[in-house]
């Protein structure tokens, strides 16, 4: 499934960008990763209206 958030120039957020945010924040808690991802999506869409929900499931495995 692809992230569907689109910016003002109709550029889609994209899975690659989501994966990069997760990599950059992987050392943090699942809750903090979620917040970082949502903040990045909101930065991407800027002032665009959100027409759908934002759903993330973040699981971390403890070693």
Protein backbone atom coordinates (compact mmCIF):
# COMPACT_ATOMS: atom_id res chain seq x y z
CA UNK A 1 0.00 0.00 0.00
CA UNK A 2 1.32 3.46 -0.92
CA UNK A 3 1.05 6.54 1.26
CA UNK A 4 -1.43 8.79 -0.57
CA UNK A 5 -0.66 12.23 0.90
CA UNK A 6 -0.25 14.78 -1.90
CA UNK A 7 1.36 18.21 -1.67
CA UNK A 8 0.23 21.42 -3.38
CA UNK A 9 2.20 20.42 -6.52
CA UNK A 10 0.39 17.06 -6.61
CA UNK A 11 3.57 15.23 -5.55
CA UNK A 12 2.73 12.05 -3.65
CA UNK A 13 4.43 11.45 -0.28
CA UNK A 14 5.60 7.98 -1.27
CA UNK A 15 6.72 4.83 0.47
CA UNK A 16 10.42 5.65 0.10
CA UNK A 17 10.03 8.84 2.12
CA UNK A 18 8.09 7.01 4.84
CA UNK A 19 10.76 4.30 5.05
CA UNK A 20 13.47 6.97 5.34
CA UNK A 21 11.67 8.69 8.24
CA UNK A 22 11.31 5.34 10.00
CA UNK A 23 15.03 4.60 9.51
CA UNK A 24 15.99 8.04 10.83
CA UNK A 25 13.87 7.53 13.95
CA UNK A 26 14.29 3.78 14.49
CA UNK A 27 16.10 4.20 17.80
CA UNK A 28 13.06 5.91 19.37
CA UNK A 29 9.89 4.40 20.82
CA UNK A 30 7.03 3.31 18.55
CA UNK A 31 5.05 6.33 19.72
CA UNK A 32 7.89 8.70 18.85
CA UNK A 33 8.33 7.10 15.42
CA UNK A 34 4.60 7.55 14.81
CA UNK A 35 4.78 11.21 15.78
CA UNK A 36 7.81 11.77 13.51
CA UNK A 37 6.07 10.11 10.56
CA UNK A 38 2.84 12.08 11.02
CA UNK A 39 4.79 15.33 11.41
CA UNK A 40 6.66 14.61 8.16
CA UNK A 41 3.43 13.85 6.27
CA UNK A 42 1.97 17.12 7.56
CA UNK A 43 5.12 19.00 6.45
CA UNK A 44 4.76 17.41 3.03
CA UNK A 45 1.13 18.37 2.52
CA UNK A 46 1.62 21.86 3.98
CA UNK A 47 -1.63 23.79 3.97
CA UNK A 48 -3.44 21.14 1.92
CA UNK A 49 -6.63 19.84 3.53
CA UNK A 50 -6.53 16.27 4.86
CA UNK A 51 -9.44 14.43 3.22
CA UNK A 52 -8.79 11.04 4.73
CA UNK A 53 -7.55 9.60 7.99
CA UNK A 54 -3.90 8.95 8.79
CA UNK A 55 -3.39 5.37 9.92
CA UNK A 56 -0.06 3.94 11.06
CA UNK A 57 0.74 0.71 12.83
CA UNK A 58 4.22 0.74 14.31
CA UNK A 59 5.65 -2.35 16.00
CA UNK A 60 9.06 -2.61 17.60
CA UNK A 61 10.76 -5.80 18.63
CA UNK A 62 12.80 -5.82 21.84
CA UNK A 63 16.02 -7.84 21.72
